[in-house]
C-alpha atoms as a PDB file:
ATOM      1  CA  UNK A   1     -69.889  16.665 -17.547  1.00  0.00           C
ATOM      2  CA  UNK A   2     -69.422  13.812 -15.126  1.00  0.00           C
ATOM      3  CA  UNK A   3     -66.579  13.792 -12.598  1.00  0.00           C
ATOM      4  CA  UNK A   4     -65.206  10.638 -14.262  1.00  0.00           C
ATOM      5  CA  UNK A   5     -65.030  12.394 -17.633  1.00  0.00           C
ATOM      6  CA  UNK A   6     -63.365  15.448 -16.080  1.00  0.00           C
ATOM      7  CA  UNK A   7     -60.771  13.190 -14.425  1.00  0.00           C
ATOM      8  CA  UNK A   8     -60.088  11.364 -17.698  1.00  0.00           C
ATOM      9  CA  UNK A   9     -59.620  14.672 -19.532  1.00  0.00           C
ATOM     10  CA  UNK A  10     -57.193  15.909 -16.885  1.00  0.00           C
ATOM     11  CA  UNK A  11     -55.166  12.689 -17.043  1.00  0.00           C
ATOM     12  CA  UNK A  12     -54.783  12.872 -20.821  1.00  0.00           C
ATOM     13  CA  UNK A  13     -54.168  16.630 -21.041  1.00  0.00           C
ATOM     14  CA  UNK A  14     -50.701  17.273 -22.397  1.00  0.00           C
ATOM     15  CA  UNK A  15     -50.270  13.718 -23.697  1.00  0.00           C
ATOM     16  CA  UNK A  16     -47.983  13.621 -26.722  1.00  0.00           C
ATOM     17  CA  UNK A  17     -48.858  10.816 -29.127  1.00  0.00           C
ATOM     18  CA  UNK A  18     -46.154   8.229 -29.704  1.00  0.00           C
ATOM     19  CA  UNK A  19     -45.150   7.265 -33.250  1.00  0.00           C
ATOM     20  CA  UNK A  20     -47.062   3.996 -32.769  1.00  0.00           C
ATOM     21  CA  UNK A  21     -50.227   5.863 -31.739  1.00  0.00           C
ATOM     22  CA  UNK A  22     -49.937   8.185 -34.760  1.00  0.00           C
ATOM     23  CA  UNK A  23     -49.457   5.181 -37.026  1.00  0.00           C
ATOM     24  CA  UNK A  24     -52.585   3.471 -35.675  1.00  0.00           C
ATOM     25  CA  UNK A  25     -54.496   6.751 -36.039  1.00  0.00           C
ATOM     26  CA  UNK A  26     -53.442   6.845 -39.699  1.00  0.00           C
ATOM     27  CA  UNK A  27     -54.562   3.217 -40.160  1.00  0.00           C
ATOM     28  CA  UNK A  28     -57.936   4.075 -38.652  1.00  0.00           C
ATOM     29  CA  UNK A  29     -58.332   7.162 -40.839  1.00  0.00           C
ATOM     30  CA  UNK A  30     -57.489   5.339 -44.077  1.00  0.00           C
ATOM     31  CA  UNK A  31     -59.745   2.425 -43.168  1.00  0.00           C
ATOM     32  CA  UNK A  32     -62.621   4.799 -42.406  1.00  0.00           C
ATOM     33  CA  UNK A  33     -62.261   6.683 -45.705  1.00  0.00           C
ATOM     34  CA  UNK A  34     -63.030   3.612 -47.808  1.00  0.00           C
ATOM     35  CA  UNK A  35     -66.205   3.214 -49.821  1.00  0.00           C
ATOM     36  CA  UNK A  36     -68.045   0.544 -47.847  1.00  0.00           C
ATOM     37  CA  UNK A  37     -70.008  -0.549 -50.907  1.00  0.00           C
ATOM     38  CA  UNK A  38     -66.836  -1.338 -52.850  1.00  0.00           C
ATOM     39  CA  UNK A  39     -66.055  -5.014 -53.390  1.00  0.00           C
ATOM     40  CA  UNK A  40     -62.355  -4.070 -53.078  1.00  0.00           C
ATOM     41  CA  UNK A  41     -62.602  -2.787 -49.515  1.00  0.00           C
ATOM     42  CA  UNK A  42     -59.452  -3.501 -47.501  1.00  0.00           C
ATOM     43  CA  UNK A  43     -59.396  -4.910 -43.977  1.00  0.00           C
ATOM     44  CA  UNK A  44     -57.638  -2.917 -41.259  1.00  0.00           C
ATOM     45  CA  UNK A  45     -54.766  -5.404 -41.394  1.00  0.00           C
ATOM     46  CA  UNK A  46     -54.436  -4.884 -45.152  1.00  0.00           C
ATOM     47  CA  UNK A  47     -54.441  -1.105 -44.667  1.00  0.00           C
ATOM     48  CA  UNK A  48     -51.796  -1.471 -41.956  1.00  0.00           C
ATOM     49  CA  UNK A  49     -49.598  -3.655 -44.195  1.00  0.00           C
ATOM     50  CA  UNK A  50     -49.914  -1.217 -47.089  1.00  0.00           C
ATOM     51  CA  UNK A  51     -48.913   1.715 -44.870  1.00  0.00           C
ATOM     52  CA  UNK A  52     -45.967  -0.261 -43.476  1.00  0.00           C
ATOM     53  CA  UNK A  53     -44.795  -0.910 -47.041  1.00  0.00           C
ATOM     54  CA  UNK A  54     -45.202   2.748 -47.972  1.00  0.00           C
ATOM     55  CA  UNK A  55     -43.892   4.487 -44.849  1.00  0.00           C
ATOM     56  CA  UNK A  56     -42.266   1.915 -42.599  1.00  0.00           C
ATOM     57  CA  UNK A  57     -43.233   1.180 -39.027  1.00  0.00           C
ATOM     58  CA  UNK A  58     -43.901   3.086 -37.013  1.00  0.00           C
ATOM     59  CA  UNK A  59     -45.021   5.581 -39.585  1.00  0.00           C
ATOM     60  CA  UNK A  60     -42.318   8.100 -40.336  1.00  0.00           C
ATOM     61  CA  UNK A  61     -43.328  11.716 -40.382  1.00  0.00           C
ATOM     62  CA  UNK A  62     -43.218  13.246 -43.864  1.00  0.00           C
ATOM     63  CA  UNK A  63     -40.139  15.292 -44.663  1.00  0.00           C
ATOM     64  CA  UNK A  64     -40.719  19.006 -44.578  1.00  0.00           C
END
């Protein structure tokens, strides 16, 4: 492991994701789960808009 990588890991250790970061992570996950051969594939912006409509922005955590 390079010293630069070790430094980056130390800087990020303990970082708590913000609601905005979690929302963008969700957008990325949904976008990546699509069937790339489908003619109905959504763009990342379309995925983002759909999630905003469903959950609001930033994404609200599900009720437990």
